[in-house]
């Protein structure tokens, strides 16, 4: 009888320490065109552990997380500005599904300096001449 009570007590206590993992779905879109962003880097930090994944051609990615623990998500891409958000379980607004996150990323503005292209071996004076053509 004591062993049955012990196992019942053990079983009930394991439920308190159990972790519940579910898939977190992340979608990344271009904020101007609305097109999905392929190959975005997604970094999730939860319980001191870091997980890295990339989005597919539809701009989507899925990863298992513990839904009862806070986590931070960071989305980056070479051509877009990095975005980072922290999600806290107790502060999650009602109606918001923390297992489906959509991000609209802004493109990075890259200014390129102008370059001059000239043919090798032709003097610049001849190249810019109005009378001669190359």
C-alpha atoms as a PDB file:
ATOM      1  CA  UNK A   1       0.000   0.000   0.000  1.00  0.00           C
ATOM      2  CA  UNK A   2       2.857   2.376   0.817  1.00  0.00           C
ATOM      3  CA  UNK A   3       4.416   1.785  -2.569  1.00  0.00           C
ATOM      4  CA  UNK A   4       1.150   2.654  -4.353  1.00  0.00           C
ATOM      5  CA  UNK A   5       0.905   5.920  -2.419  1.00  0.00           C
ATOM      6  CA  UNK A   6       4.562   6.664  -3.180  1.00  0.00           C
ATOM      7  CA  UNK A   7       4.060   6.121  -6.938  1.00  0.00           C
ATOM      8  CA  UNK A   8       0.863   8.189  -6.922  1.00  0.00           C
ATOM      9  CA  UNK A   9       2.702  11.018  -5.134  1.00  0.00           C
ATOM     10  CA  UNK A  10       5.630  10.726  -7.558  1.00  0.00           C
ATOM     11  CA  UNK A  11       3.303  10.799 -10.587  1.00  0.00           C
ATOM     12  CA  UNK A  12       1.474  13.908  -9.337  1.00  0.00           C
ATOM     13  CA  UNK A  13       4.740  15.753  -8.663  1.00  0.00           C
ATOM     14  CA  UNK A  14       6.149  14.965 -12.105  1.00  0.00           C
ATOM     15  CA  UNK A  15       3.264  16.887 -13.640  1.00  0.00           C
ATOM     16  CA  UNK A  16       4.432  20.045 -11.857  1.00  0.00           C
ATOM     17  CA  UNK A  17       7.930  19.817 -13.343  1.00  0.00           C
ATOM     18  CA  UNK A  18       6.902  18.688 -16.804  1.00  0.00           C
ATOM     19  CA  UNK A  19       7.649  20.886 -19.775  1.00  0.00           C
ATOM     20  CA  UNK A  20       5.144  21.427 -22.524  1.00  0.00           C
ATOM     21  CA  UNK A  21       6.693  21.809 -25.957  1.00  0.00           C
ATOM     22  CA  UNK A  22       4.764  23.012 -28.969  1.00  0.00           C
ATOM     23  CA  UNK A  23       5.729  24.294 -32.379  1.00  0.00           C
ATOM     24  CA  UNK A  24       6.338  28.018 -32.742  1.00  0.00           C
ATOM     25  CA  UNK A  25       5.607  29.136 -36.305  1.00  0.00           C
ATOM     26  CA  UNK A  26       7.385  32.246 -37.565  1.00  0.00           C
ATOM     27  CA  UNK A  27       6.593  34.084 -40.807  1.00  0.00           C
ATOM     28  CA  UNK A  28       8.749  36.861 -42.298  1.00  0.00           C
ATOM     29  CA  UNK A  29       7.557  39.331 -44.916  1.00  0.00           C
ATOM     30  CA  UNK A  30       8.938  42.381 -46.711  1.00  0.00           C
ATOM     31  CA  UNK A  31       7.195  45.381 -45.134  1.00  0.00           C
ATOM     32  CA  UNK A  32       6.794  47.211 -48.464  1.00  0.00           C
ATOM     33  CA  UNK A  33       5.864  44.473 -50.931  1.00  0.00           C
ATOM     34  CA  UNK A  34       4.404  41.891 -48.547  1.00  0.00           C
ATOM     35  CA  UNK A  35       6.470  39.170 -50.227  1.00  0.00           C
ATOM     36  CA  UNK A  36       7.874  36.376 -48.051  1.00  0.00           C
ATOM     37  CA  UNK A  37      11.550  36.684 -47.125  1.00  0.00           C
ATOM     38  CA  UNK A  38      13.540  33.559 -47.948  1.00  0.00           C
ATOM     39  CA  UNK A  39      16.571  32.509 -45.876  1.00  0.00           C
ATOM     40  CA  UNK A  40      15.980  34.812 -42.881  1.00  0.00           C
ATOM     41  CA  UNK A  41      17.985  33.892 -39.794  1.00  0.00           C
ATOM     42  CA  UNK A  42      15.826  33.267 -36.734  1.00  0.00           C
ATOM     43  CA  UNK A  43      17.454  33.024 -33.331  1.00  0.00           C
ATOM     44  CA  UNK A  44      15.431  31.953 -30.308  1.00  0.00           C
ATOM     45  CA  UNK A  45      16.803  32.263 -26.782  1.00  0.00           C
ATOM     46  CA  UNK A  46      14.950  30.350 -24.076  1.00  0.00           C
ATOM     47  CA  UNK A  47      16.189  29.067 -20.704  1.00  0.00           C
ATOM     48  CA  UNK A  48      19.752  30.123 -21.582  1.00  0.00           C
ATOM     49  CA  UNK A  49      19.718  27.969 -24.720  1.00  0.00           C
ATOM     50  CA  UNK A  50      20.012  29.311 -28.258  1.00  0.00           C
ATOM     51  CA  UNK A  51      18.353  27.784 -31.315  1.00  0.00           C
ATOM     52  CA  UNK A  52      18.996  28.979 -34.866  1.00  0.00           C
ATOM     53  CA  UNK A  53      16.798  28.233 -37.864  1.00  0.00           C
ATOM     54  CA  UNK A  54      16.194  29.714 -41.334  1.00  0.00           C
ATOM     55  CA  UNK A  55      12.991  30.483 -43.190  1.00  0.00           C
ATOM     56  CA  UNK A  56      11.969  28.509 -46.270  1.00  0.00           C
ATOM     57  CA  UNK A  57      10.905  29.925 -49.662  1.00  0.00           C
ATOM     58  CA  UNK A  58       7.510  30.847 -48.213  1.00  0.00           C
ATOM     59  CA  UNK A  59       9.212  32.887 -45.457  1.00  0.00           C
ATOM     60  CA  UNK A  60       8.147  30.363 -42.810  1.00  0.00           C
ATOM     61  CA  UNK A  61       9.958  28.426 -40.100  1.00  0.00           C
ATOM     62  CA  UNK A  62       8.881  26.134 -37.248  1.00  0.00           C
ATOM     63  CA  UNK A  63      10.658  25.204 -34.049  1.00  0.00           C
ATOM     64  CA  UNK A  64       9.727  23.461 -30.798  1.00  0.00           C
ATOM     65  CA  UNK A  65       9.651  25.711 -27.715  1.00  0.00           C
ATOM     66  CA  UNK A  66       8.505  25.361 -24.118  1.00  0.00           C
ATOM     67  CA  UNK A  67       5.243  27.334 -24.172  1.00  0.00           C
ATOM     68  CA  UNK A  68       5.368  28.034 -20.424  1.00  0.00           C
ATOM     69  CA  UNK A  69       8.758  29.787 -20.514  1.00  0.00           C
ATOM     70  CA  UNK A  70       9.664  33.293 -21.668  1.00  0.00           C
ATOM     71  CA  UNK A  71      11.709  33.572 -24.842  1.00  0.00           C
ATOM     72  CA  UNK A  72      13.427  36.144 -27.031  1.00  0.00           C
ATOM     73  CA  UNK A  73      13.330  35.982 -30.810  1.00  0.00           C
ATOM     74  CA  UNK A  74      15.645  37.782 -33.209  1.00  0.00           C
ATOM     75  CA  UNK A  75      15.135  37.888 -36.972  1.00  0.00           C
ATOM     76  CA  UNK A  76      17.925  39.020 -39.278  1.00  0.00           C
ATOM     77  CA  UNK A  77      18.738  38.994 -42.982  1.00  0.00           C
ATOM     78  CA  UNK A  78      21.562  40.489 -45.042  1.00  0.00           C
ATOM     79  CA  UNK A  79      19.224  42.870 -46.885  1.00  0.00           C
ATOM     80  CA  UNK A  80      16.807  43.720 -44.027  1.00  0.00           C
ATOM     81  CA  UNK A  81      16.979  45.453 -40.666  1.00  0.00           C
ATOM     82  CA  UNK A  82      17.237  43.130 -37.669  1.00  0.00           C
ATOM     83  CA  UNK A  83      14.183  42.818 -35.431  1.00  0.00           C
ATOM     84  CA  UNK A  84      14.141  41.481 -31.871  1.00  0.00           C
ATOM     85  CA  UNK A  85      11.224  40.866 -29.473  1.00  0.00           C
ATOM     86  CA  UNK A  86      10.889  39.364 -26.013  1.00  0.00           C
ATOM     87  CA  UNK A  87       7.793  37.331 -25.184  1.00  0.00           C
ATOM     88  CA  UNK A  88       6.786  36.850 -21.569  1.00  0.00           C
ATOM     89  CA  UNK A  89       4.232  34.182 -20.733  1.00  0.00           C
ATOM     90  CA  UNK A  90       2.459  36.130 -17.981  1.00  0.00           C
ATOM     91  CA  UNK A  91       2.212  39.340 -20.041  1.00  0.00           C
ATOM     92  CA  UNK A  92       0.806  37.719 -23.167  1.00  0.00           C
ATOM     93  CA  UNK A  93      -2.295  39.698 -24.213  1.00  0.00           C
ATOM     94  CA  UNK A  94      -5.485  37.698 -24.580  1.00  0.00           C
ATOM     95  CA  UNK A  95      -6.269  36.761 -28.126  1.00  0.00           C
ATOM     96  CA  UNK A  96      -2.627  36.843 -29.256  1.00  0.00           C
ATOM     97  CA  UNK A  97      -1.323  33.455 -30.264  1.00  0.00           C
ATOM     98  CA  UNK A  98       2.322  33.270 -29.136  1.00  0.00           C
ATOM     99  CA  UNK A  99       2.769  30.168 -31.298  1.00  0.00           C
ATOM    100  CA  UNK A 100       2.256  32.102 -34.551  1.00  0.00           C
ATOM    101  CA  UNK A 101       4.451  35.163 -35.006  1.00  0.00           C
ATOM    102  CA  UNK A 102       4.537  37.312 -38.133  1.00  0.00           C
ATOM    103  CA  UNK A 103       7.246  39.879 -38.780  1.00  0.00           C
ATOM    104  CA  UNK A 104       7.420  42.606 -41.412  1.00  0.00           C
ATOM    105  CA  UNK A 105      11.025  43.586 -42.001  1.00  0.00           C
ATOM    106  CA  UNK A 106      12.277  46.870 -43.435  1.00  0.00           C
ATOM    107  CA  UNK A 107      14.891  46.781 -46.167  1.00  0.00           C
ATOM    108  CA  UNK A 108      18.343  48.114 -45.349  1.00  0.00           C
ATOM    109  CA  UNK A 109      19.227  51.218 -47.293  1.00  0.00           C
ATOM    110  CA  UNK A 110      22.595  50.746 -48.944  1.00  0.00           C
ATOM    111  CA  UNK A 111      24.226  53.675 -50.669  1.00  0.00           C
ATOM    112  CA  UNK A 112      26.833  52.687 -53.195  1.00  0.00           C
ATOM    113  CA  UNK A 113      29.434  55.168 -54.324  1.00  0.00           C
ATOM    114  CA  UNK A 114      29.760  55.755 -58.054  1.00  0.00           C
ATOM    115  CA  UNK A 115      32.530  54.054 -59.960  1.00  0.00           C
ATOM    116  CA  UNK A 116      34.205  54.943 -63.226  1.00  0.00           C
ATOM    117  CA  UNK A 117      34.777  52.182 -65.730  1.00  0.00           C
ATOM    118  CA  UNK A 118      37.459  52.754 -68.337  1.00  0.00           C
ATOM    119  CA  UNK A 119      39.047  50.427 -70.834  1.00  0.00           C
ATOM    120  CA  UNK A 120      42.635  49.490 -70.006  1.00  0.00           C
ATOM    121  CA  UNK A 121      45.272  50.855 -72.360  1.00  0.00           C
ATOM    122  CA  UNK A 122      43.187  53.765 -73.688  1.00  0.00           C
ATOM    123  CA  UNK A 123      44.274  57.138 -72.324  1.00  0.00           C
ATOM    124  CA  UNK A 124      41.565  59.013 -70.475  1.00  0.00           C
ATOM    125  CA  UNK A 125      41.909  61.996 -72.858  1.00  0.00           C
ATOM    126  CA  UNK A 126      41.029  59.806 -75.846  1.00  0.00           C
ATOM    127  CA  UNK A 127      38.244  58.035 -73.938  1.00  0.00           C
ATOM    128  CA  UNK A 128      36.529  61.354 -73.072  1.00  0.00           C
ATOM    129  CA  UNK A 129      37.170  63.030 -76.456  1.00  0.00           C
ATOM    130  CA  UNK A 130      34.180  64.360 -78.389  1.00  0.00           C
ATOM    131  CA  UNK A 131      35.989  63.986 -81.713  1.00  0.00           C
ATOM    132  CA  UNK A 132      37.236  60.404 -81.292  1.00  0.00           C
ATOM    133  CA  UNK A 133      35.185  57.335 -80.521  1.00  0.00           C
ATOM    134  CA  UNK A 134      36.381  54.097 -79.015  1.00  0.00           C
END
